[in-house]
Amino acid sequence: MKFLLIGFFALLISCDQSFPNSGNPLVVLTFDDNNCTIYNTAYPLIQEFGFVGTCVTCSGRCDQPGYITWQQLSELSNAGWEIAGHTVNHVILNSITPEEAEMEIYNDLLALRAQGFEPVTFALPKGKVSADILEIIPHYYRYIRHSLDTINFFPVDVKAIGYYPMQSFYSENEVITRLQLATWRGECLIVIGFHNFCMEDGCMPDNCKPSEFREILQYIKDQNLEVVTLAQALERCGN
């Protein structure tokens, strides 16, 4: 244990030395909702830097106009990407009954398995879920990612994984600052989330410009941070 003083506040940092990663967090890059720019724009940049990603997939969108195809998803998987579940139709789980929610979760899993994937991670659509539905998910998935920027100290709660989502009003500087903070605080894992990649400002509320994405990847490389899939990270630092 060690205390770091920030202004008039004391921040308690718990750095468990049983997680051997040279004091740096594992970095996970997640890509949600199947937008075709994940494959067309983000994937080539990820390949250029030698990294991998985690594609958070709504199976009902595959092969639909503007979305990733099953063939493209297989290519990502063959390149080392993790394929994770996200319901069939990106349904907000606390807006439907537990029975309907279970079918969305289960049918999504079946659809992914039918394509040869074995997903172990589930990401909550919009991060919204009721307590009774949250109890259902571990019957089908090992890991659950939420949508809040909670701190992932070692050991990470694998049923409540925090992440930092890129927004269109951010620049690469906000993401880089969050990566720096993760290192400084002794977090064992930082999950950065992306959705869409287009050139224009404000084309989508959760857009990341390709130039900004490149700067983020360059920073990760320059800092020698290790990029892994979410499942790989949790095998090493999950509870």
Protein backbone atom coordinates (compact mmCIF):
# COMPACT_ATOMS: atom_id res chain seq x y z
CA MET A 1 0.00 0.00 0.00
CA LYS A 2 1.10 3.58 -0.64
CA PHE A 3 -0.48 7.01 -0.38
CA LEU A 4 -0.13 9.72 -3.00
CA LEU A 5 -1.15 13.24 -2.01
CA ILE A 6 -3.15 15.20 -4.56
CA GLY A 7 -3.88 18.73 -3.35
CA PHE A 8 -5.65 18.25 -0.03
CA PHE A 9 -6.73 14.71 -0.77
CA ALA A 10 -5.02 11.38 -0.14
CA LEU A 11 -5.53 8.74 -2.77
CA LEU A 12 -5.01 5.18 -1.63
CA ILE A 13 -3.41 3.05 -4.31
CA SER A 14 -3.45 -0.69 -3.90
CA CYS A 15 -0.68 -2.22 -6.00
CA ASP A 16 -0.66 -5.98 -5.59
CA GLN A 17 2.85 -7.12 -6.41
CA SER A 18 1.55 -10.56 -7.36
CA PHE A 19 0.58 -9.06 -10.74
CA PRO A 20 3.93 -8.94 -12.58
CA ASN A 21 3.66 -6.46 -15.43
CA SER A 22 6.52 -4.01 -14.78
CA GLY A 23 4.14 -1.51 -13.20
CA ASN A 24 2.31 -0.91 -16.48
CA PRO A 25 -1.36 -1.71 -17.11
CA LEU A 26 -2.45 -4.19 -19.72
CA VAL A 27 -4.27 -2.29 -22.47
CA VAL A 28 -7.45 -3.66 -24.04
CA LEU A 29 -9.01 -2.00 -27.08
CA THR A 30 -12.69 -2.88 -27.51
CA PHE A 31 -14.76 -2.14 -30.62
CA ASP A 32 -18.53 -2.21 -30.10
CA ASP A 33 -21.66 -2.57 -32.22
CA ASN A 34 -20.32 -3.96 -35.54
CA ASN A 35 -19.98 -0.70 -37.46
CA CYS A 36 -18.22 -1.41 -40.77
CA THR A 37 -15.58 1.25 -40.04
CA ILE A 38 -14.19 -1.06 -37.34
CA TYR A 39 -13.10 -3.44 -40.08
CA ASN A 40 -12.43 -0.91 -42.86
CA THR A 41 -10.57 1.73 -40.82
CA ALA A 42 -9.56 0.53 -37.34
CA TYR A 43 -8.47 -2.98 -38.27
CA PRO A 44 -5.78 -1.92 -40.80
CA LEU A 45 -4.32 0.50 -38.24
CA ILE A 46 -4.35 -2.17 -35.54
CA GLN A 47 -2.55 -4.49 -37.96
CA GLU A 48 0.01 -1.81 -38.75
CA PHE A 49 0.94 -1.50 -35.08
CA GLY A 50 0.89 -5.24 -34.44
CA PHE A 51 -1.91 -5.05 -31.86
CA VAL A 52 -5.13 -7.01 -31.33
CA GLY A 53 -8.64 -5.95 -30.40
CA THR A 54 -11.85 -7.25 -28.89
CA CYS A 55 -14.87 -6.97 -31.19
CA VAL A 56 -18.08 -6.63 -29.15
CA THR A 57 -20.67 -8.12 -31.47
CA CYS A 58 -24.43 -7.90 -31.93
CA SER A 59 -25.00 -11.00 -34.04
CA GLY A 60 -28.21 -9.68 -35.58
CA ARG A 61 -26.30 -6.88 -37.28
CA CYS A 62 -23.78 -9.09 -39.05
CA ASP A 63 -24.14 -9.03 -42.86
CA GLN A 64 -26.47 -6.03 -42.66
CA PRO A 65 -25.70 -2.83 -44.64
CA GLY A 66 -23.17 -0.65 -42.83
CA TYR A 67 -22.07 -3.41 -40.49
CA ILE A 68 -19.31 -6.02 -40.32
CA THR A 69 -19.97 -9.27 -42.16
CA TRP A 70 -19.52 -12.74 -40.70
CA GLN A 71 -16.59 -13.25 -43.06
CA GLN A 72 -14.91 -10.08 -41.82
CA LEU A 73 -15.53 -11.12 -38.22
CA SER A 74 -13.80 -14.44 -38.95
CA GLU A 75 -10.85 -12.54 -40.39
CA LEU A 76 -10.57 -10.50 -37.20
CA SER A 77 -10.69 -13.68 -35.13
CA ASN A 78 -8.01 -15.32 -37.25
CA ALA A 79 -5.84 -12.22 -36.70
CA GLY A 80 -5.97 -12.79 -32.94
CA TRP A 81 -8.98 -10.66 -32.05
CA GLU A 82 -11.46 -11.74 -29.40
CA ILE A 83 -15.13 -11.92 -30.41
CA ALA A 84 -17.43 -10.97 -27.52
CA GLY A 85 -21.20 -11.00 -27.08
CA HIS A 86 -23.45 -7.93 -26.94
CA THR A 87 -27.02 -9.32 -27.43
CA VAL A 88 -28.61 -10.05 -30.80
CA ASN A 89 -30.03 -6.58 -31.45
CA HIS A 90 -28.26 -4.26 -28.99
CA VAL A 91 -31.27 -4.30 -26.69
CA ILE A 92 -31.02 -2.30 -23.47
CA LEU A 93 -31.45 -5.14 -21.01
CA ASN A 94 -33.25 -3.25 -18.25
CA SER A 95 -35.95 -2.20 -20.77
CA ILE A 96 -37.23 -5.76 -21.26
CA THR A 97 -38.26 -8.65 -19.05
CA PRO A 98 -35.67 -11.03 -17.60
CA GLU A 99 -37.01 -13.78 -19.85
CA GLU A 100 -36.63 -11.62 -22.96
CA ALA A 101 -33.19 -10.52 -21.84
CA GLU A 102 -32.04 -14.10 -21.37
CA MET A 103 -33.17 -14.93 -24.91
CA GLU A 104 -31.24 -11.94 -26.31
CA ILE A 105 -28.11 -13.05 -24.45
CA TYR A 106 -28.48 -16.77 -25.19
CA ASN A 107 -29.45 -16.44 -28.86
CA ASP A 108 -26.53 -14.09 -29.45
CA LEU A 109 -24.21 -16.67 -27.94
CA LEU A 110 -25.70 -19.43 -30.12
CA ALA A 111 -25.32 -17.31 -33.26
CA LEU A 112 -21.66 -16.60 -32.49
CA ARG A 113 -20.99 -20.27 -31.75
CA ALA A 114 -22.68 -21.26 -35.01
CA GLN A 115 -20.03 -19.20 -36.82
CA GLY A 116 -17.22 -21.03 -35.02
CA PHE A 117 -16.55 -18.53 -32.22
CA GLU A 118 -16.37 -19.38 -28.52
CA PRO A 119 -17.09 -16.08 -26.76
CA VAL A 120 -16.39 -15.82 -23.03
CA THR A 121 -16.93 -12.05 -22.63
CA PHE A 122 -20.22 -10.15 -22.63
CA ALA A 123 -20.53 -6.36 -22.79
CA LEU A 124 -23.67 -4.73 -21.44
CA PRO A 125 -25.43 -2.58 -24.08
CA LYS A 126 -25.20 1.00 -22.78
CA GLY A 127 -24.02 -0.52 -19.50
CA LYS A 128 -27.62 -0.78 -18.29
CA VAL A 129 -28.91 -3.87 -16.53
CA SER A 130 -31.11 -4.79 -13.59
CA ALA A 131 -29.82 -6.91 -10.73
CA ASP A 132 -31.91 -9.96 -11.65
CA ILE A 133 -30.73 -9.92 -15.27
CA LEU A 134 -27.14 -9.42 -14.16
CA GLU A 135 -27.41 -12.72 -12.31
CA ILE A 136 -28.36 -14.48 -15.56
CA ILE A 137 -25.31 -13.50 -17.60
CA PRO A 138 -22.69 -15.67 -15.78
CA HIS A 139 -24.65 -18.74 -16.85
CA TYR A 140 -23.47 -18.00 -20.39
CA TYR A 141 -20.36 -15.82 -20.12
CA ARG A 142 -17.29 -15.77 -17.88
CA TYR A 143 -16.57 -12.03 -18.05
CA ILE A 144 -18.89 -8.98 -18.00
CA ARG A 145 -17.84 -5.52 -19.14
CA HIS A 146 -19.86 -2.57 -17.89
CA SER A 147 -19.87 0.97 -19.35
CA LEU A 148 -18.46 2.97 -16.46
CA ASP A 149 -14.87 4.12 -16.13
CA THR A 150 -14.28 2.23 -12.90
CA ILE A 151 -10.70 1.52 -11.85
CA ASN A 152 -9.41 -1.96 -12.61
CA PHE A 153 -7.01 -2.73 -9.78
CA PHE A 154 -5.65 -6.23 -9.27
CA PRO A 155 -7.48 -8.56 -8.96
CA VAL A 156 -10.15 -7.28 -11.35
CA ASP A 157 -13.77 -8.16 -10.61
CA VAL A 158 -14.54 -10.16 -13.76
CA LYS A 159 -18.28 -9.47 -13.38
CA ALA A 160 -17.83 -5.69 -13.26
CA ILE A 161 -15.08 -4.68 -15.68
CA GLY A 162 -14.78 -0.92 -16.18
CA TYR A 163 -13.94 0.81 -19.45
CA TYR A 164 -13.25 4.25 -20.84
CA PRO A 165 -15.33 4.97 -23.96
CA MET A 166 -14.07 7.31 -26.67
CA GLN A 167 -16.55 10.09 -27.48
CA SER A 168 -16.73 12.34 -30.53
CA PHE A 169 -16.04 15.45 -28.41
CA TYR A 170 -12.79 13.91 -27.13
CA SER A 171 -9.46 14.14 -28.86
CA GLU A 172 -6.62 11.68 -28.59
CA ASN A 173 -5.36 13.76 -25.64
CA GLU A 174 -8.17 12.64 -23.32
CA VAL A 175 -7.48 8.99 -24.06
CA ILE A 176 -3.72 9.40 -23.65
CA THR A 177 -4.28 11.19 -20.33
CA ARG A 178 -6.46 8.28 -19.18
CA LEU A 179 -3.70 5.83 -20.14
CA GLN A 180 -1.17 7.90 -18.22
CA LEU A 181 -3.47 7.94 -15.20
CA ALA A 182 -3.83 4.16 -15.32
CA THR A 183 -0.05 3.79 -15.18
CA TRP A 184 0.34 6.36 -12.41
CA ARG A 185 -2.41 4.83 -10.26
CA GLY A 186 -1.09 1.30 -10.62
CA GLU A 187 -4.10 -0.11 -12.45
CA CYS A 188 -3.47 -3.58 -13.81
CA LEU A 189 -5.92 -3.14 -16.70
CA ILE A 190 -7.27 -0.25 -18.76
CA VAL A 191 -10.02 -0.88 -21.31
CA ILE A 192 -10.48 1.78 -24.00
CA GLY A 193 -13.69 1.52 -26.00
CA PHE A 194 -14.36 2.59 -29.58
CA HIS A 195 -17.43 2.41 -31.80
CA ASN A 196 -17.10 4.31 -35.09
CA PHE A 197 -14.34 5.81 -37.20
CA CYS A 198 -15.07 8.58 -39.68
CA MET A 199 -13.27 11.71 -40.79
CA GLU A 200 -15.90 14.37 -40.03
CA ASP A 201 -16.53 16.07 -36.70
CA GLY A 202 -19.75 15.00 -35.01
CA CYS A 203 -20.76 12.40 -37.61
CA MET A 204 -21.64 10.06 -34.74
CA PRO A 205 -21.76 10.69 -30.97
CA ASP A 206 -19.10 8.08 -30.25
CA ASN A 207 -16.86 8.68 -33.25
CA CYS A 208 -13.06 8.55 -33.28
CA LYS A 209 -11.25 10.16 -36.19
CA PRO A 210 -8.69 7.83 -37.81
CA SER A 211 -5.93 10.40 -37.20
CA GLU A 212 -6.79 10.46 -33.50
CA PHE A 213 -6.84 6.68 -33.35
CA ARG A 214 -3.40 6.52 -34.93
CA GLU A 215 -2.04 8.93 -32.30
CA ILE A 216 -3.48 6.78 -29.53
CA LEU A 217 -1.91 3.65 -30.98
CA GLN A 218 1.41 5.44 -31.44
CA TYR A 219 1.40 6.50 -27.78
CA ILE A 220 0.71 2.93 -26.65
CA LYS A 221 3.58 1.68 -28.79
CA ASP A 222 5.98 4.42 -27.64
CA GLN A 223 5.25 3.58 -24.00
CA ASN A 224 5.77 -0.15 -24.62
CA LEU A 225 2.35 -0.93 -23.21
CA GLU A 226 1.13 -4.45 -23.83
CA VAL A 227 -2.10 -4.74 -25.84
CA VAL A 228 -4.12 -7.92 -25.34
CA THR A 229 -7.71 -9.07 -25.74
CA LEU A 230 -10.06 -8.66 -22.82
CA ALA A 231 -10.18 -12.40 -22.17
CA GLN A 232 -6.38 -12.61 -22.22
CA ALA A 233 -6.13 -9.73 -19.75
CA LEU A 234 -8.61 -11.28 -17.33
CA GLU A 235 -6.88 -14.63 -17.43
CA ARG A 236 -3.88 -12.80 -16.01
CA CYS A 237 -5.43 -10.28 -13.63
CA GLY A 238 -9.03 -11.33 -12.99
CA ASN A 239 -10.31 -12.62 -9.67
